[in-house]
C-alpha atoms as a PDB file:
ATOM      1  CA  MET A   1     -47.261 -38.621  -5.163  1.00  0.00           C
ATOM      2  CA  SER A   2     -43.970 -37.869  -5.721  1.00  0.00           C
ATOM      3  CA  ASN A   3     -41.408 -38.400  -2.790  1.00  0.00           C
ATOM      4  CA  SER A   4     -40.118 -35.070  -1.899  1.00  0.00           C
ATOM      5  CA  SER A   5     -37.389 -36.230   0.279  1.00  0.00           C
ATOM      6  CA  SER A   6     -35.738 -37.933  -2.717  1.00  0.00           C
ATOM      7  CA  SER A   7     -36.309 -35.241  -5.472  1.00  0.00           C
ATOM      8  CA  SER A   8     -34.053 -32.449  -5.884  1.00  0.00           C
ATOM      9  CA  PHE A   9     -34.627 -28.784  -6.826  1.00  0.00           C
ATOM     10  CA  ALA A  10     -31.307 -27.835  -7.923  1.00  0.00           C
ATOM     11  CA  PRO A  11     -30.745 -26.446 -11.177  1.00  0.00           C
ATOM     12  CA  ASP A  12     -29.686 -28.717 -14.322  1.00  0.00           C
ATOM     13  CA  GLU A  13     -26.083 -27.270 -14.511  1.00  0.00           C
ATOM     14  CA  PRO A  14     -22.670 -28.783 -13.658  1.00  0.00           C
ATOM     15  CA  ALA A  15     -21.565 -28.759 -10.002  1.00  0.00           C
ATOM     16  CA  SER A  16     -18.661 -26.372 -11.180  1.00  0.00           C
ATOM     17  CA  ILE A  17     -21.179 -23.755 -12.374  1.00  0.00           C
ATOM     18  CA  ILE A  18     -23.380 -24.226  -9.052  1.00  0.00           C
ATOM     19  CA  ALA A  19     -20.031 -23.864  -6.939  1.00  0.00           C
ATOM     20  CA  LEU A  20     -19.375 -20.608  -9.047  1.00  0.00           C
ATOM     21  CA  GLU A  21     -22.806 -19.355  -8.545  1.00  0.00           C
ATOM     22  CA  ARG A  22     -22.542 -19.834  -4.780  1.00  0.00           C
ATOM     23  CA  VAL A  23     -19.233 -17.716  -4.359  1.00  0.00           C
ATOM     24  CA  ILE A  24     -20.524 -14.907  -6.647  1.00  0.00           C
ATOM     25  CA  PHE A  25     -23.847 -14.695  -4.439  1.00  0.00           C
ATOM     26  CA  ASN A  26     -21.901 -14.757  -1.248  1.00  0.00           C
ATOM     27  CA  GLY A  27     -19.280 -12.515  -2.367  1.00  0.00           C
ATOM     28  CA  ALA A  28     -22.020 -10.040  -3.041  1.00  0.00           C
ATOM     29  CA  GLY A  29     -23.397 -10.155   0.518  1.00  0.00           C
ATOM     30  CA  LEU A  30     -19.965  -9.875   2.089  1.00  0.00           C
ATOM     31  CA  GLY A  31     -19.485  -6.931  -0.180  1.00  0.00           C
ATOM     32  CA  ALA A  32     -22.659  -5.405   1.161  1.00  0.00           C
ATOM     33  CA  VAL A  33     -21.272  -6.055   4.700  1.00  0.00           C
ATOM     34  CA  ALA A  34     -18.083  -4.136   4.014  1.00  0.00           C
ATOM     35  CA  TYR A  35     -20.231  -1.418   2.694  1.00  0.00           C
ATOM     36  CA  GLY A  36     -22.040  -1.038   5.943  1.00  0.00           C
ATOM     37  CA  LEU A  37     -18.453  -0.710   7.707  1.00  0.00           C
ATOM     38  CA  ASN A  38     -18.135   2.426   5.287  1.00  0.00           C
ATOM     39  CA  LEU A  39     -21.567   3.648   6.229  1.00  0.00           C
ATOM     40  CA  ALA A  40     -20.687   3.495   9.793  1.00  0.00           C
ATOM     41  CA  LEU A  41     -17.236   5.386   9.646  1.00  0.00           C
ATOM     42  CA  PHE A  42     -18.714   7.676   7.136  1.00  0.00           C
ATOM     43  CA  VAL A  43     -21.793   8.590  10.067  1.00  0.00           C
ATOM     44  CA  GLN A  44     -19.048   9.156  12.536  1.00  0.00           C
ATOM     45  CA  CYS A  45     -16.627  11.280  10.431  1.00  0.00           C
ATOM     46  CA  VAL A  46     -19.131  13.726   9.268  1.00  0.00           C
ATOM     47  CA  PRO A  47     -20.304  15.319  12.452  1.00  0.00           C
ATOM     48  CA  LEU A  48     -16.666  15.501  13.997  1.00  0.00           C
ATOM     49  CA  LEU A  49     -15.352  17.262  10.781  1.00  0.00           C
ATOM     50  CA  TRP A  50     -18.456  19.491  10.498  1.00  0.00           C
ATOM     51  CA  ALA A  51     -17.834  20.531  14.213  1.00  0.00           C
ATOM     52  CA  GLN A  52     -14.063  21.656  13.367  1.00  0.00           C
ATOM     53  CA  ARG A  53     -15.095  23.738  10.411  1.00  0.00           C
ATOM     54  CA  LYS A  54     -14.556  27.050  12.493  1.00  0.00           C
ATOM     55  CA  LYS A  55     -11.439  25.873  14.074  1.00  0.00           C
ATOM     56  CA  ASP A  56      -9.737  24.726  10.947  1.00  0.00           C
ATOM     57  CA  PRO A  57     -12.145  25.312   7.886  1.00  0.00           C
ATOM     58  CA  LYS A  58      -9.526  24.574   5.366  1.00  0.00           C
ATOM     59  CA  TYR A  59      -8.904  21.219   6.727  1.00  0.00           C
ATOM     60  CA  SER A  60     -12.686  20.244   7.658  1.00  0.00           C
ATOM     61  CA  TYR A  61     -13.896  21.062   4.176  1.00  0.00           C
ATOM     62  CA  ALA A  62     -11.266  19.183   2.300  1.00  0.00           C
ATOM     63  CA  ALA A  63     -11.828  16.193   4.578  1.00  0.00           C
ATOM     64  CA  LEU A  64     -15.655  16.264   4.368  1.00  0.00           C
ATOM     65  CA  LEU A  65     -15.215  16.463   0.379  1.00  0.00           C
ATOM     66  CA  PHE A  66     -12.619  13.514   0.607  1.00  0.00           C
ATOM     67  CA  VAL A  67     -14.870  11.184   2.616  1.00  0.00           C
ATOM     68  CA  GLY A  68     -17.785  12.381   0.674  1.00  0.00           C
ATOM     69  CA  LEU A  69     -16.428  11.224  -2.584  1.00  0.00           C
ATOM     70  CA  ILE A  70     -15.001   8.083  -0.987  1.00  0.00           C
ATOM     71  CA  PHE A  71     -18.604   7.274   0.313  1.00  0.00           C
ATOM     72  CA  SER A  72     -20.333   8.011  -2.851  1.00  0.00           C
ATOM     73  CA  PHE A  73     -18.214   5.949  -5.083  1.00  0.00           C
ATOM     74  CA  SER A  74     -18.659   3.149  -2.477  1.00  0.00           C
ATOM     75  CA  THR A  75     -22.559   3.529  -2.514  1.00  0.00           C
ATOM     76  CA  ILE A  76     -22.485   3.661  -6.499  1.00  0.00           C
ATOM     77  CA  ALA A  77     -20.650   0.442  -6.856  1.00  0.00           C
ATOM     78  CA  ASN A  78     -22.357  -1.349  -4.080  1.00  0.00           C
ATOM     79  CA  GLY A  79     -25.653  -0.346  -5.474  1.00  0.00           C
ATOM     80  CA  ILE A  80     -24.855  -1.635  -9.073  1.00  0.00           C
ATOM     81  CA  ALA A  81     -23.379  -5.125  -7.276  1.00  0.00           C
ATOM     82  CA  MET A  82     -26.832  -5.545  -5.812  1.00  0.00           C
ATOM     83  CA  PHE A  83     -28.760  -4.794  -9.038  1.00  0.00           C
ATOM     84  CA  MET A  84     -26.500  -7.043 -11.070  1.00  0.00           C
ATOM     85  CA  ASN A  85     -27.395  -9.848  -8.085  1.00  0.00           C
ATOM     86  CA  GLN A  86     -30.854  -9.435  -8.850  1.00  0.00           C
ATOM     87  CA  LEU A  87     -30.552  -9.455 -12.558  1.00  0.00           C
ATOM     88  CA  ALA A  88     -28.521 -12.585 -12.541  1.00  0.00           C
ATOM     89  CA  PHE A  89     -30.571 -14.534  -9.717  1.00  0.00           C
ATOM     90  CA  VAL A  90     -34.036 -13.310 -10.221  1.00  0.00           C
ATOM     91  CA  ASP A  91     -34.910 -11.263 -13.386  1.00  0.00           C
ATOM     92  CA  ASP A  92     -32.627 -13.209 -15.735  1.00  0.00           C
ATOM     93  CA  ARG A  93     -32.015 -16.563 -13.983  1.00  0.00           C
ATOM     94  CA  ASN A  94     -33.151 -18.609 -17.055  1.00  0.00           C
ATOM     95  CA  TYR A  95     -30.362 -17.025 -19.045  1.00  0.00           C
ATOM     96  CA  PRO A  96     -28.521 -20.062 -20.754  1.00  0.00           C
ATOM     97  CA  GLY A  97     -25.674 -21.150 -18.408  1.00  0.00           C
ATOM     98  CA  GLY A  98     -27.227 -19.795 -15.349  1.00  0.00           C
ATOM     99  CA  PRO A  99     -26.330 -16.763 -13.234  1.00  0.00           C
ATOM    100  CA  ALA A 100     -22.604 -17.232 -13.440  1.00  0.00           C
ATOM    101  CA  VAL A 101     -22.421 -17.276 -16.959  1.00  0.00           C
ATOM    102  CA  PHE A 102     -24.863 -13.961 -17.222  1.00  0.00           C
ATOM    103  CA  ALA A 103     -22.642 -11.995 -14.829  1.00  0.00           C
ATOM    104  CA  SER A 104     -19.395 -13.208 -16.713  1.00  0.00           C
ATOM    105  CA  GLU A 105     -20.506 -12.634 -20.332  1.00  0.00           C
ATOM    106  CA  GLN A 106     -20.376  -9.231 -21.875  1.00  0.00           C
ATOM    107  CA  VAL A 107     -24.040  -8.504 -22.712  1.00  0.00           C
ATOM    108  CA  PRO A 108     -24.875  -4.984 -23.006  1.00  0.00           C
ATOM    109  CA  ILE A 109     -26.430  -4.569 -19.526  1.00  0.00           C
ATOM    110  CA  THR A 110     -23.734  -6.324 -17.516  1.00  0.00           C
ATOM    111  CA  GLN A 111     -20.920  -4.753 -19.589  1.00  0.00           C
ATOM    112  CA  ASN A 112     -22.028  -1.198 -19.108  1.00  0.00           C
ATOM    113  CA  LEU A 113     -22.926  -1.924 -15.143  1.00  0.00           C
ATOM    114  CA  ASN A 114     -19.730  -3.501 -14.701  1.00  0.00           C
ATOM    115  CA  LEU A 115     -17.713  -0.643 -16.395  1.00  0.00           C
ATOM    116  CA  VAL A 116     -19.379   1.920 -14.070  1.00  0.00           C
ATOM    117  CA  ALA A 117     -18.908  -0.005 -10.815  1.00  0.00           C
ATOM    118  CA  THR A 118     -15.512  -0.830 -11.882  1.00  0.00           C
ATOM    119  CA  ALA A 119     -14.567   2.835 -12.680  1.00  0.00           C
ATOM    120  CA  CYS A 120     -16.191   3.709  -8.976  1.00  0.00           C
ATOM    121  CA  TYR A 121     -13.570   1.263  -7.454  1.00  0.00           C
ATOM    122  CA  PHE A 122     -10.745   2.671  -9.325  1.00  0.00           C
ATOM    123  CA  PHE A 123     -11.512   6.101  -8.183  1.00  0.00           C
ATOM    124  CA  ASN A 124     -11.772   5.020  -4.763  1.00  0.00           C
ATOM    125  CA  GLN A 125      -8.400   3.249  -5.279  1.00  0.00           C
ATOM    126  CA  TRP A 126      -6.693   6.317  -6.496  1.00  0.00           C
ATOM    127  CA  LEU A 127      -8.235   8.373  -3.375  1.00  0.00           C
ATOM    128  CA  GLN A 128      -7.109   5.611  -1.003  1.00  0.00           C
ATOM    129  CA  ASP A 129      -3.729   5.307  -2.336  1.00  0.00           C
ATOM    130  CA  GLY A 130      -3.094   9.088  -2.946  1.00  0.00           C
ATOM    131  CA  PHE A 131      -4.411   9.652   0.688  1.00  0.00           C
ATOM    132  CA  LEU A 132      -2.016   6.703   2.005  1.00  0.00           C
ATOM    133  CA  LEU A 133       0.945   8.531  -0.079  1.00  0.00           C
ATOM    134  CA  TYR A 134       0.050  11.910   2.077  1.00  0.00           C
ATOM    135  CA  ARG A 135       0.104   9.901   5.142  1.00  0.00           C
ATOM    136  CA  LEU A 136       3.534   8.708   4.141  1.00  0.00           C
ATOM    137  CA  TYR A 137       4.343  11.989   3.439  1.00  0.00           C
ATOM    138  CA  VAL A 138       3.415  13.488   6.764  1.00  0.00           C
ATOM    139  CA  ILE A 139       4.942  10.404   8.795  1.00  0.00           C
ATOM    140  CA  ALA A 140       8.304  10.345   6.777  1.00  0.00           C
ATOM    141  CA  ASP A 141       8.867  14.206   7.249  1.00  0.00           C
ATOM    142  CA  THR A 142      12.488  14.997   7.230  1.00  0.00           C
ATOM    143  CA  LEU A 143      13.078  11.486   5.446  1.00  0.00           C
ATOM    144  CA  ARG A 144      10.682  12.345   2.353  1.00  0.00           C
ATOM    145  CA  THR A 145      13.742  12.499  -0.225  1.00  0.00           C
ATOM    146  CA  TRP A 146      14.192   8.740  -0.033  1.00  0.00           C
ATOM    147  CA  MET A 147      11.120   7.530   1.205  1.00  0.00           C
ATOM    148  CA  MET A 148       8.729   9.003  -1.532  1.00  0.00           C
ATOM    149  CA  PRO A 149       9.960   8.523  -4.955  1.00  0.00           C
ATOM    150  CA  VAL A 150       9.147   4.823  -5.343  1.00  0.00           C
ATOM    151  CA  PRO A 151       5.857   4.720  -3.860  1.00  0.00           C
ATOM    152  CA  VAL A 152       4.911   7.648  -6.219  1.00  0.00           C
ATOM    153  CA  LEU A 153       6.181   5.899  -9.255  1.00  0.00           C
ATOM    154  CA  LEU A 154       3.960   2.873  -8.098  1.00  0.00           C
ATOM    155  CA  TYR A 155       1.067   5.138  -7.761  1.00  0.00           C
ATOM    156  CA  ILE A 156       1.346   6.703 -11.168  1.00  0.00           C
ATOM    157  CA  GLY A 157       1.642   3.462 -12.774  1.00  0.00           C
ATOM    158  CA  SER A 158      -1.107   2.179 -10.754  1.00  0.00           C
ATOM    159  CA  ILE A 159      -3.291   4.772 -12.366  1.00  0.00           C
ATOM    160  CA  VAL A 160      -2.206   4.353 -15.929  1.00  0.00           C
ATOM    161  CA  LEU A 161      -2.968   0.694 -15.869  1.00  0.00           C
ATOM    162  CA  SER A 162      -6.273   1.161 -14.356  1.00  0.00           C
ATOM    163  CA  CYS A 163      -7.144   3.449 -17.306  1.00  0.00           C
ATOM    164  CA  LEU A 164      -5.897   0.840 -19.474  1.00  0.00           C
ATOM    165  CA  LEU A 165      -7.957  -1.916 -17.901  1.00  0.00           C
ATOM    166  CA  LEU A 166     -11.071   0.344 -18.048  1.00  0.00           C
ATOM    167  CA  ALA A 167     -10.370   0.763 -21.748  1.00  0.00           C
ATOM    168  CA  GLU A 168     -10.129  -3.176 -22.194  1.00  0.00           C
ATOM    169  CA  LEU A 169     -13.351  -3.472 -20.096  1.00  0.00           C
ATOM    170  CA  SER A 170     -15.246  -1.784 -22.477  1.00  0.00           C
ATOM    171  CA  LEU A 171     -14.427  -4.480 -25.314  1.00  0.00           C
ATOM    172  CA  PRO A 172     -16.951  -7.322 -25.894  1.00  0.00           C
ATOM    173  CA  THR A 173     -14.071  -9.779 -25.835  1.00  0.00           C
ATOM    174  CA  TRP A 174     -12.939  -8.988 -22.271  1.00  0.00           C
ATOM    175  CA  THR A 175     -12.807 -11.793 -19.907  1.00  0.00           C
ATOM    176  CA  ALA A 176     -12.083 -11.673 -15.968  1.00  0.00           C
ATOM    177  CA  LEU A 177     -10.162 -14.076 -14.518  1.00  0.00           C
ATOM    178  CA  GLY A 178      -6.651 -14.647 -15.965  1.00  0.00           C
ATOM    179  CA  ASN A 179      -6.699 -10.992 -17.737  1.00  0.00           C
ATOM    180  CA  ASP A 180      -2.914 -10.060 -17.717  1.00  0.00           C
ATOM    181  CA  THR A 181      -3.794  -6.175 -17.516  1.00  0.00           C
ATOM    182  CA  THR A 182      -5.872  -6.873 -14.247  1.00  0.00           C
ATOM    183  CA  ILE A 183      -3.086  -8.903 -12.669  1.00  0.00           C
ATOM    184  CA  THR A 184      -0.517  -6.487 -13.505  1.00  0.00           C
ATOM    185  CA  TYR A 185      -2.813  -3.639 -12.062  1.00  0.00           C
ATOM    186  CA  TYR A 186      -3.507  -5.413  -9.061  1.00  0.00           C
ATOM    187  CA  SER A 187       0.095  -6.107  -8.503  1.00  0.00           C
ATOM    188  CA  PHE A 188       1.061  -2.396  -8.690  1.00  0.00           C
ATOM    189  CA  VAL A 189      -1.591  -1.838  -6.131  1.00  0.00           C
ATOM    190  CA  VAL A 190      -0.299  -4.615  -3.843  1.00  0.00           C
ATOM    191  CA  ALA A 191       3.287  -3.579  -4.194  1.00  0.00           C
ATOM    192  CA  LEU A 192       2.485   0.061  -3.535  1.00  0.00           C
ATOM    193  CA  ASN A 193       0.255  -0.719  -0.412  1.00  0.00           C
ATOM    194  CA  MET A 194       2.764  -3.170   1.124  1.00  0.00           C
ATOM    195  CA  LEU A 195       5.523  -0.735   0.349  1.00  0.00           C
ATOM    196  CA  ILE A 196       3.878   2.158   2.164  1.00  0.00           C
ATOM    197  CA  THR A 197       2.737  -0.404   4.795  1.00  0.00           C
ATOM    198  CA  LEU A 198       6.524  -1.227   5.566  1.00  0.00           C
ATOM    199  CA  LEU A 199       7.743   2.358   5.180  1.00  0.00           C
ATOM    200  CA  ILE A 200       5.157   3.670   7.602  1.00  0.00           C
ATOM    201  CA  VAL A 201       5.794   0.956  10.000  1.00  0.00           C
ATOM    202  CA  VAL A 202       9.486   1.583   9.993  1.00  0.00           C
ATOM    203  CA  ARG A 203       9.143   5.188  10.540  1.00  0.00           C
ATOM    204  CA  LEU A 204       6.723   4.983  13.365  1.00  0.00           C
ATOM    205  CA  MET A 205       8.822   2.378  15.097  1.00  0.00           C
ATOM    206  CA  SER A 206      11.671   5.025  14.916  1.00  0.00           C
ATOM    207  CA  THR A 207       9.670   7.680  16.275  1.00  0.00           C
ATOM    208  CA  ARG A 208       8.599   5.269  19.195  1.00  0.00           C
ATOM    209  CA  ALA A 209      12.283   4.696  19.938  1.00  0.00           C
ATOM    210  CA  THR A 210      12.888   8.508  19.834  1.00  0.00           C
ATOM    211  CA  VAL A 211      10.102   9.364  22.244  1.00  0.00           C
ATOM    212  CA  ARG A 212      10.897   6.552  24.661  1.00  0.00           C
ATOM    213  CA  LYS A 213      14.626   7.666  24.502  1.00  0.00           C
ATOM    214  CA  TYR A 214      13.841  11.368  25.606  1.00  0.00           C
ATOM    215  CA  LEU A 215      10.682  11.079  27.534  1.00  0.00           C
ATOM    216  CA  GLY A 216      10.938   7.668  28.836  1.00  0.00           C
ATOM    217  CA  PRO A 217       9.106   4.283  27.816  1.00  0.00           C
ATOM    218  CA  GLU A 218       5.735   5.258  28.978  1.00  0.00           C
ATOM    219  CA  HIS A 219       5.291   8.062  26.479  1.00  0.00           C
ATOM    220  CA  GLY A 220       4.408   7.946  22.829  1.00  0.00           C
ATOM    221  CA  SER A 221       2.136   4.983  23.254  1.00  0.00           C
ATOM    222  CA  LEU A 222      -0.724   6.957  21.785  1.00  0.00           C
ATOM    223  CA  TYR A 223       0.722   7.165  18.193  1.00  0.00           C
ATOM    224  CA  THR A 224       2.906   4.127  18.236  1.00  0.00           C
ATOM    225  CA  SER A 225       1.081   1.335  19.677  1.00  0.00           C
ATOM    226  CA  VAL A 226       0.311  -1.863  17.829  1.00  0.00           C
ATOM    227  CA  SER A 227      -3.156  -0.654  16.897  1.00  0.00           C
ATOM    228  CA  ALA A 228      -1.652   2.556  15.705  1.00  0.00           C
ATOM    229  CA  LEU A 229       0.749   0.913  13.443  1.00  0.00           C
ATOM    230  CA  LEU A 230      -1.905  -1.246  11.920  1.00  0.00           C
ATOM    231  CA  ILE A 231      -4.405   1.594  11.391  1.00  0.00           C
ATOM    232  CA  GLU A 232      -2.075   4.381  10.041  1.00  0.00           C
ATOM    233  CA  SER A 233      -0.531   1.754   7.648  1.00  0.00           C
ATOM    234  CA  ALA A 234      -3.626   0.064   6.463  1.00  0.00           C
ATOM    235  CA  VAL A 235      -1.838  -3.248   6.809  1.00  0.00           C
ATOM    236  CA  LEU A 236      -5.016  -5.183   7.063  1.00  0.00           C
ATOM    237  CA  TYR A 237      -6.322  -4.146   3.682  1.00  0.00           C
ATOM    238  CA  SER A 238      -2.893  -5.008   2.110  1.00  0.00           C
ATOM    239  CA  ALA A 239      -3.211  -8.535   3.458  1.00  0.00           C
ATOM    240  CA  ILE A 240      -6.658  -8.928   2.085  1.00  0.00           C
ATOM    241  CA  ASP A 241      -5.569  -7.170  -1.171  1.00  0.00           C
ATOM    242  CA  LEU A 242      -2.683  -9.561  -1.651  1.00  0.00           C
ATOM    243  CA  ALA A 243      -5.082 -12.800  -0.851  1.00  0.00           C
ATOM    244  CA  PHE A 244      -6.965 -11.401  -3.846  1.00  0.00           C
ATOM    245  CA  ILE A 245      -4.364 -11.033  -6.323  1.00  0.00           C
ATOM    246  CA  ILE A 246      -3.064 -14.568  -5.571  1.00  0.00           C
ATOM    247  CA  THR A 247      -6.699 -16.091  -6.040  1.00  0.00           C
ATOM    248  CA  PHE A 248      -7.210 -13.999  -8.854  1.00  0.00           C
ATOM    249  CA  ALA A 249      -4.094 -15.043 -10.958  1.00  0.00           C
ATOM    250  CA  LEU A 250      -4.978 -18.667 -10.003  1.00  0.00           C
ATOM    251  CA  ASN A 251      -8.297 -18.446 -11.592  1.00  0.00           C
ATOM    252  CA  SER A 252      -9.708 -19.573  -8.280  1.00  0.00           C
ATOM    253  CA  ASN A 253     -13.304 -18.920  -7.384  1.00  0.00           C
ATOM    254  CA  GLY A 254     -12.192 -17.280  -4.067  1.00  0.00           C
ATOM    255  CA  ALA A 255     -11.588 -14.147  -6.094  1.00  0.00           C
ATOM    256  CA  TYR A 256     -15.477 -13.778  -6.742  1.00  0.00           C
ATOM    257  CA  ILE A 257     -15.751 -13.644  -2.954  1.00  0.00           C
ATOM    258  CA  LEU A 258     -12.792 -11.178  -2.146  1.00  0.00           C
ATOM    259  CA  GLN A 259     -13.051  -8.902  -5.194  1.00  0.00           C
ATOM    260  CA  PRO A 260     -16.413  -7.335  -3.803  1.00  0.00           C
ATOM    261  CA  ILE A 261     -14.833  -7.063  -0.337  1.00  0.00           C
ATOM    262  CA  VAL A 262     -11.512  -5.514  -1.837  1.00  0.00           C
ATOM    263  CA  GLY A 263     -13.667  -2.939  -3.670  1.00  0.00           C
ATOM    264  CA  GLN A 264     -15.459  -1.814  -0.339  1.00  0.00           C
ATOM    265  CA  LEU A 265     -12.595  -2.296   1.954  1.00  0.00           C
ATOM    266  CA  GLU A 266     -10.137   0.006   0.174  1.00  0.00           C
ATOM    267  CA  ALA A 267     -12.391   2.822   1.609  1.00  0.00           C
ATOM    268  CA  ILE A 268     -12.042   1.834   5.347  1.00  0.00           C
ATOM    269  CA  PRO A 269      -8.355   2.825   5.940  1.00  0.00           C
ATOM    270  CA  PRO A 270      -8.997   6.529   4.960  1.00  0.00           C
ATOM    271  CA  PHE A 271     -12.196   6.670   6.878  1.00  0.00           C
ATOM    272  CA  ILE A 272     -10.598   5.524  10.012  1.00  0.00           C
ATOM    273  CA  ILE A 273      -7.421   7.596   9.597  1.00  0.00           C
ATOM    274  CA  VAL A 274      -9.512  10.717   9.236  1.00  0.00           C
ATOM    275  CA  LEU A 275     -11.540   9.779  12.229  1.00  0.00           C
ATOM    276  CA  ARG A 276      -8.722   9.253  14.485  1.00  0.00           C
ATOM    277  CA  VAL A 277      -6.992  12.720  13.246  1.00  0.00           C
ATOM    278  CA  ALA A 278     -10.291  14.336  14.057  1.00  0.00           C
ATOM    279  CA  GLN A 279     -10.474  12.728  17.450  1.00  0.00           C
ATOM    280  CA  GLY A 280      -6.907  14.013  18.176  1.00  0.00           C
ATOM    281  CA  LYS A 281      -5.600  10.553  18.067  1.00  0.00           C
ATOM    282  CA  GLY A 282      -3.943  10.336  14.641  1.00  0.00           C
ATOM    283  CA  VAL A 283      -0.458  11.144  13.852  1.00  0.00           C
ATOM    284  CA  THR A 284      -0.120  14.629  12.136  1.00  0.00           C
ATOM    285  CA  GLN A 285       2.824  16.739  10.817  1.00  0.00           C
ATOM    286  CA  GLN A 286       2.825  18.632  13.859  1.00  0.00           C
ATOM    287  CA  THR A 287       3.257  15.350  15.831  1.00  0.00           C
ATOM    288  CA  MET A 288       6.292  14.029  13.632  1.00  0.00           C
ATOM    289  CA  ARG A 289       8.002  17.510  13.978  1.00  0.00           C
ATOM    290  CA  SER A 290       7.495  17.567  17.809  1.00  0.00           C
ATOM    291  CA  MET A 291       9.321  14.080  17.620  1.00  0.00           C
ATOM    292  CA  GLN A 292      12.216  15.453  15.498  1.00  0.00           C
ATOM    293  CA  GLY A 293      12.383  18.342  17.958  1.00  0.00           C
ATOM    294  CA  THR A 294      13.513  15.976  20.942  1.00  0.00           C
ATOM    295  CA  ARG A 295      16.788  15.506  18.974  1.00  0.00           C
ATOM    296  CA  ALA A 296      17.499  19.222  18.953  1.00  0.00           C
ATOM    297  CA  VAL A 297      16.910  19.672  22.646  1.00  0.00           C
ATOM    298  CA  THR A 298      20.141  21.233  24.297  1.00  0.00           C
ATOM    299  CA  GLY A 299      21.602  20.412  27.606  1.00  0.00           C
ATOM    300  CA  THR A 300      20.143  23.777  28.782  1.00  0.00           C
ATOM    301  CA  SER A 301      16.622  22.920  27.756  1.00  0.00           C
ATOM    302  CA  MET A 302      17.040  19.673  29.300  1.00  0.00           C
ATOM    303  CA  GLN A 303      17.994  21.081  32.530  1.00  0.00           C
ATOM    304  CA  PHE A 304      14.981  23.713  32.512  1.00  0.00           C
ATOM    305  CA  ALA A 305      12.494  20.801  32.129  1.00  0.00           C
ATOM    306  CA  THR A 306      14.243  18.634  34.919  1.00  0.00           C
ATOM    307  CA  ALA A 307      14.085  21.669  37.292  1.00  0.00           C
ATOM    308  CA  ALA A 308      10.465  22.064  36.482  1.00  0.00           C
ATOM    309  CA  VAL A 309       9.967  18.479  37.555  1.00  0.00           C
ATOM    310  CA  THR A 310      12.364  19.028  40.636  1.00  0.00           C
ATOM    311  CA  THR A 311      10.267  21.908  41.789  1.00  0.00           C
ATOM    312  CA  ARG A 312       6.983  20.120  41.464  1.00  0.00           C
ATOM    313  CA  ASN A 313       7.917  17.187  43.127  1.00  0.00           C
ATOM    314  CA  ALA A 314      10.124  18.758  46.196  1.00  0.00           C
ATOM    315  CA  SER A 315       7.359  18.516  48.753  1.00  0.00           C
ATOM    316  CA  MET A 316       5.642  15.337  47.516  1.00  0.00           C
ATOM    317  CA  ASN A 317       8.708  13.081  46.594  1.00  0.00           C
ATOM    318  CA  THR A 318       6.378  11.244  44.163  1.00  0.00           C
ATOM    319  CA  PRO A 319       6.964  10.868  40.417  1.00  0.00           C
ATOM    320  CA  MET A 320       5.214  12.532  37.752  1.00  0.00           C
ATOM    321  CA  THR A 321       2.498  10.903  35.779  1.00  0.00           C
ATOM    322  CA  ALA A 322       2.983  10.533  31.977  1.00  0.00           C
ATOM    323  CA  LYS A 323       0.363  13.353  31.377  1.00  0.00           C
ATOM    324  CA  GLU A 324       2.095  15.888  33.742  1.00  0.00           C
ATOM    325  CA  SER A 325       5.311  15.058  32.330  1.00  0.00           C
ATOM    326  CA  SER A 326       4.001  15.793  28.680  1.00  0.00           C
ATOM    327  CA  LEU A 327       2.460  19.059  30.083  1.00  0.00           C
ATOM    328  CA  VAL A 328       5.913  19.953  31.585  1.00  0.00           C
ATOM    329  CA  VAL A 329       7.657  19.382  28.536  1.00  0.00           C
ATOM    330  CA  GLU A 330       5.041  21.259  26.486  1.00  0.00           C
ATOM    331  CA  SER A 331       5.521  24.275  28.579  1.00  0.00           C
ATOM    332  CA  THR A 332       9.141  24.485  27.477  1.00  0.00           C
ATOM    333  CA  GLY A 333       7.945  24.991  23.978  1.00  0.00           C
ATOM    334  CA  MET A 334       9.780  21.870  22.613  1.00  0.00           C
ATOM    335  CA  LEU A 335       6.938  19.461  22.183  1.00  0.00           C
ATOM    336  CA  THR A 336       3.048  19.222  21.743  1.00  0.00           C
ATOM    337  CA  PHE A 337       1.419  15.828  22.527  1.00  0.00           C
ATOM    338  CA  ALA A 338      -2.391  15.117  22.511  1.00  0.00           C
ATOM    339  CA  GLU A 339      -3.601  14.344  25.855  1.00  0.00           C
ATOM    340  CA  THR A 340      -2.505  10.790  27.074  1.00  0.00           C
ATOM    341  CA  LYS A 341      -5.315   8.512  28.088  1.00  0.00           C
END
């Protein structure tokens, strides 16, 4: 009887190939986890948007279509990734060279599936980047003239490069790691996301300074807290995207871990922003214009607001809360805030 403790059931493959197969397998699992986050956010967005259809039907139906498209593309891409994993590690596990070679070589079935999945990820990238551009447009407000041109050009460039990459992907000679068009495309995407991140953070910080100047330090935290900066700018996605492009350019196996995650995470920032806006917590165009309105407040208006505060506190001799102060300012017709919690 053989000694099972000294025998090995590992495949007869080089250690480097086995290591690559591990990261491919684990990357698919992490991509499925990221898809689960998409599913959870989608389930939260839909009922909120549906409930608002009578109040603002145009926005509600447009937002429902937007999140529906993103979730559909994410679902298709995740399903294809799971099926390709099944083919590589179960159905065709005896393919010469193992699952890693099966997944990387352009055999007809993997080529076609990879083309469809990549197209879904690109469509989502277009939607996500376009949505972030719209957020920048909203948040920039009066500063759009100098904030928007460069991001728009980068966005157009990323779309052109993604179309070229899809065309290359259909060729049997295409290879994944080290592909120049792939590196250039993701460089455009990273540059676009990092630039939008920087511009949004700068704009929100400027807005916070304006709010604190006119209404005091206790105001404005709803829209300009650290969490709001991270969510509105999608900085976390940008950081993971940057890590992916570095590992991809270096031909590192880490790219196989990050690629499925990046493909699914690109849908999460739009979901979170739509959810925040539906809950009344996100920055809207009305919010930014209200912030701008503080700069145009005349001395007479300020005296009116001060008089209202003084009258209210004459007998109590106690300071107003942040919520009450917001309501007083709102009553003057100068500003409109969501309720401070």
